[in-house]
C-alpha atoms as a PDB file:
ATOM      1  CA  MET A   1       0.000   0.000   0.000  1.00  0.00           C
ATOM      2  CA  LYS A   2       2.581   2.507  -1.145  1.00  0.00           C
ATOM      3  CA  ASN A   3      -0.061   5.154  -1.799  1.00  0.00           C
ATOM      4  CA  LEU A   4      -1.277   4.975   1.789  1.00  0.00           C
ATOM      5  CA  LYS A   5       2.255   5.726   2.959  1.00  0.00           C
ATOM      6  CA  LYS A   6       2.628   8.438   0.316  1.00  0.00           C
ATOM      7  CA  LEU A   7      -0.561  10.191   1.499  1.00  0.00           C
ATOM      8  CA  ARG A   8       0.532   9.974   5.107  1.00  0.00           C
ATOM      9  CA  GLU A   9       3.923  11.468   4.332  1.00  0.00           C
ATOM     10  CA  ILE A  10       2.522  14.217   2.063  1.00  0.00           C
ATOM     11  CA  HIS A  11       0.321  15.344   4.942  1.00  0.00           C
ATOM     12  CA  GLY A  12       3.271  15.264   7.342  1.00  0.00           C
ATOM     13  CA  LEU A  13       1.761  12.591   9.573  1.00  0.00           C
ATOM     14  CA  SER A  14       3.779  10.126  11.581  1.00  0.00           C
ATOM     15  CA  GLN A  15       2.493   6.566  11.698  1.00  0.00           C
ATOM     16  CA  GLN A  16       1.346   7.223  15.270  1.00  0.00           C
ATOM     17  CA  ARG A  17      -0.550  10.428  14.408  1.00  0.00           C
ATOM     18  CA  PHE A  18      -2.107   8.731  11.390  1.00  0.00           C
ATOM     19  CA  ALA A  19      -3.172   5.805  13.557  1.00  0.00           C
ATOM     20  CA  ASP A  20      -4.661   8.185  16.142  1.00  0.00           C
ATOM     21  CA  LEU A  21      -6.827   9.847  13.470  1.00  0.00           C
ATOM     22  CA  PHE A  22      -8.550   6.548  12.746  1.00  0.00           C
ATOM     23  CA  ASN A  23      -8.468   4.965  16.203  1.00  0.00           C
ATOM     24  CA  LEU A  24      -5.894   2.412  15.097  1.00  0.00           C
ATOM     25  CA  LYS A  25      -2.590   1.242  16.516  1.00  0.00           C
ATOM     26  CA  GLN A  26       0.695   2.486  15.071  1.00  0.00           C
ATOM     27  CA  GLN A  27       1.652  -1.139  14.539  1.00  0.00           C
ATOM     28  CA  SER A  28      -1.371  -1.561  12.241  1.00  0.00           C
ATOM     29  CA  ILE A  29      -0.218   1.317  10.039  1.00  0.00           C
ATOM     30  CA  TYR A  30       3.266  -0.206   9.866  1.00  0.00           C
ATOM     31  CA  LYS A  31       1.754  -3.545   8.816  1.00  0.00           C
ATOM     32  CA  TYR A  32      -0.470  -1.907   6.165  1.00  0.00           C
ATOM     33  CA  GLU A  33       2.418   0.037   4.671  1.00  0.00           C
ATOM     34  CA  ASN A  34       4.661  -3.027   4.564  1.00  0.00           C
ATOM     35  CA  ASN A  35       2.024  -5.395   3.146  1.00  0.00           C
ATOM     36  CA  ILE A  36       2.007  -7.544   6.271  1.00  0.00           C
ATOM     37  CA  SER A  37      -1.741  -7.085   6.781  1.00  0.00           C
ATOM     38  CA  GLU A  38      -4.614  -5.230   5.158  1.00  0.00           C
ATOM     39  CA  PRO A  39      -7.073  -2.745   6.625  1.00  0.00           C
ATOM     40  CA  SER A  40     -10.773  -3.528   6.707  1.00  0.00           C
ATOM     41  CA  ILE A  41     -12.988  -2.037   4.027  1.00  0.00           C
ATOM     42  CA  GLU A  42     -14.479   0.251   6.699  1.00  0.00           C
ATOM     43  CA  THR A  43     -11.026   1.569   7.587  1.00  0.00           C
ATOM     44  CA  LEU A  44     -10.156   2.049   3.912  1.00  0.00           C
ATOM     45  CA  SER A  45     -13.404   3.928   3.404  1.00  0.00           C
ATOM     46  CA  GLU A  46     -12.718   6.239   6.360  1.00  0.00           C
ATOM     47  CA  ILE A  47      -9.176   6.945   5.176  1.00  0.00           C
ATOM     48  CA  ALA A  48     -10.291   7.574   1.592  1.00  0.00           C
ATOM     49  CA  SER A  49     -13.019   9.914   2.776  1.00  0.00           C
ATOM     50  CA  TYR A  50     -10.679  11.794   5.116  1.00  0.00           C
ATOM     51  CA  PHE A  51      -8.114  12.402   2.363  1.00  0.00           C
ATOM     52  CA  ASN A  52     -10.713  12.915  -0.385  1.00  0.00           C
ATOM     53  CA  THR A  53      -9.292  10.087  -2.435  1.00  0.00           C
ATOM     54  CA  SER A  54     -10.517   6.709  -3.605  1.00  0.00           C
ATOM     55  CA  ILE A  55     -10.072   3.269  -2.140  1.00  0.00           C
ATOM     56  CA  ASP A  56      -8.632   2.297  -5.532  1.00  0.00           C
ATOM     57  CA  TYR A  57      -5.826   4.798  -4.966  1.00  0.00           C
ATOM     58  CA  LEU A  58      -5.169   3.601  -1.413  1.00  0.00           C
ATOM     59  CA  VAL A  59      -4.766  -0.012  -2.532  1.00  0.00           C
ATOM     60  CA  ASP A  60      -2.574   0.950  -5.516  1.00  0.00           C
ATOM     61  CA  PHE A  61      -5.178   0.048  -8.121  1.00  0.00           C
ATOM     62  CA  THR A  62      -4.761   3.502  -9.688  1.00  0.00           C
ATOM     63  CA  ASP A  63      -2.194   6.271  -9.596  1.00  0.00           C
ATOM     64  CA  ILE A  64      -4.896   8.953  -9.716  1.00  0.00           C
ATOM     65  CA  PRO A  65      -5.043  10.325  -6.151  1.00  0.00           C
ATOM     66  CA  TYR A  66      -8.435  12.007  -6.396  1.00  0.00           C
ATOM     67  CA  PRO A  67     -11.779  10.388  -7.138  1.00  0.00           C
ATOM     68  CA  LEU A  68     -13.463  11.217 -10.401  1.00  0.00           C
ATOM     69  CA  GLU A  69     -15.515  14.353 -10.125  1.00  0.00           C
ATOM     70  CA  GLN A  70     -19.059  13.614  -9.149  1.00  0.00           C
ATOM     71  CA  ARG A  71     -21.764  15.743 -10.662  1.00  0.00           C
ATOM     72  CA  SER A  72     -24.497  17.139  -8.505  1.00  0.00           C
ATOM     73  CA  GLU A  73     -27.674  19.053  -9.192  1.00  0.00           C
ATOM     74  CA  TYR A  74     -26.900  21.222  -6.184  1.00  0.00           C
ATOM     75  CA  THR A  75     -24.739  24.303  -6.328  1.00  0.00           C
ATOM     76  CA  LEU A  76     -22.898  25.036  -3.119  1.00  0.00           C
ATOM     77  CA  SER A  77     -22.123  28.492  -1.847  1.00  0.00           C
ATOM     78  CA  PRO A  78     -18.499  29.280  -1.016  1.00  0.00           C
ATOM     79  CA  ALA A  79     -19.342  28.989   2.703  1.00  0.00           C
ATOM     80  CA  GLU A  80     -20.876  25.536   2.142  1.00  0.00           C
ATOM     81  CA  GLN A  81     -17.846  24.451   0.123  1.00  0.00           C
ATOM     82  CA  GLU A  82     -15.556  25.587   2.943  1.00  0.00           C
ATOM     83  CA  LEU A  83     -17.623  23.639   5.487  1.00  0.00           C
ATOM     84  CA  ILE A  84     -17.347  20.500   3.403  1.00  0.00           C
ATOM     85  CA  GLU A  85     -13.583  20.920   2.974  1.00  0.00           C
ATOM     86  CA  ASN A  86     -13.164  21.408   6.717  1.00  0.00           C
ATOM     87  CA  TYR A  87     -15.408  18.401   7.421  1.00  0.00           C
ATOM     88  CA  ARG A  88     -13.243  16.199   5.209  1.00  0.00           C
ATOM     89  CA  HIS A  89     -10.240  16.953   7.405  1.00  0.00           C
ATOM     90  CA  LEU A  90     -11.973  15.872  10.622  1.00  0.00           C
ATOM     91  CA  SER A  91     -11.227  12.526  12.188  1.00  0.00           C
ATOM     92  CA  PRO A  92     -14.054   9.966  12.097  1.00  0.00           C
ATOM     93  CA  ARG A  93     -14.735  10.673  15.791  1.00  0.00           C
ATOM     94  CA  TYR A  94     -15.233  14.401  15.210  1.00  0.00           C
ATOM     95  CA  ARG A  95     -17.363  13.726  12.131  1.00  0.00           C
ATOM     96  CA  GLU A  96     -19.683  11.695  14.378  1.00  0.00           C
ATOM     97  CA  LEU A  97     -19.869  14.640  16.775  1.00  0.00           C
ATOM     98  CA  VAL A  98     -20.808  16.977  13.915  1.00  0.00           C
ATOM     99  CA  HIS A  99     -23.542  14.564  12.824  1.00  0.00           C
ATOM    100  CA  SER A 100     -24.892  14.346  16.367  1.00  0.00           C
ATOM    101  CA  LEU A 101     -24.906  18.120  16.725  1.00  0.00           C
ATOM    102  CA  ILE A 102     -26.823  18.578  13.471  1.00  0.00           C
ATOM    103  CA  GLU A 103     -29.340  15.850  14.338  1.00  0.00           C
ATOM    104  CA  THR A 104     -29.905  17.318  17.809  1.00  0.00           C
ATOM    105  CA  HIS A 105     -30.376  20.802  16.402  1.00  0.00           C
ATOM    106  CA  LEU A 106     -32.815  19.625  13.732  1.00  0.00           C
ATOM    107  CA  LYS A 107     -34.871  17.704  16.312  1.00  0.00           C
ATOM    108  CA  GLU A 108     -35.100  20.850  18.443  1.00  0.00           C
ATOM    109  CA  MET A 109     -36.291  22.879  15.451  1.00  0.00           C
ATOM    110  CA  ILE A 110     -39.214  20.560  14.724  1.00  0.00           C
ATOM    111  CA  PRO A 111     -42.265  21.752  16.692  1.00  0.00           C
ATOM    112  CA  ARG A 112     -44.013  19.163  18.811  1.00  0.00           C
END
């Protein structure tokens, strides 16, 4: 998984810091990068999402680091685009907190 290591190094992350982002052990990252073991599909999905790349790139199936552009019928404002960019850099734990905050807020807005 040379691309996993490449992404980690490009972002200036040690194996330990990278592992902390995804609630993994440093030893797991070492094993992934040295083809001793493989991450679960859930872990690959979280990593790909965090770095805005594809699972194909992480597992060296392609050299294209970014997923193909997805078309949407929605146009985002610059503020919405910034929120999404910031969200993509959150760890999975903090993403869950953001989801919980939004769900709680929306429930409070709905009149009973």
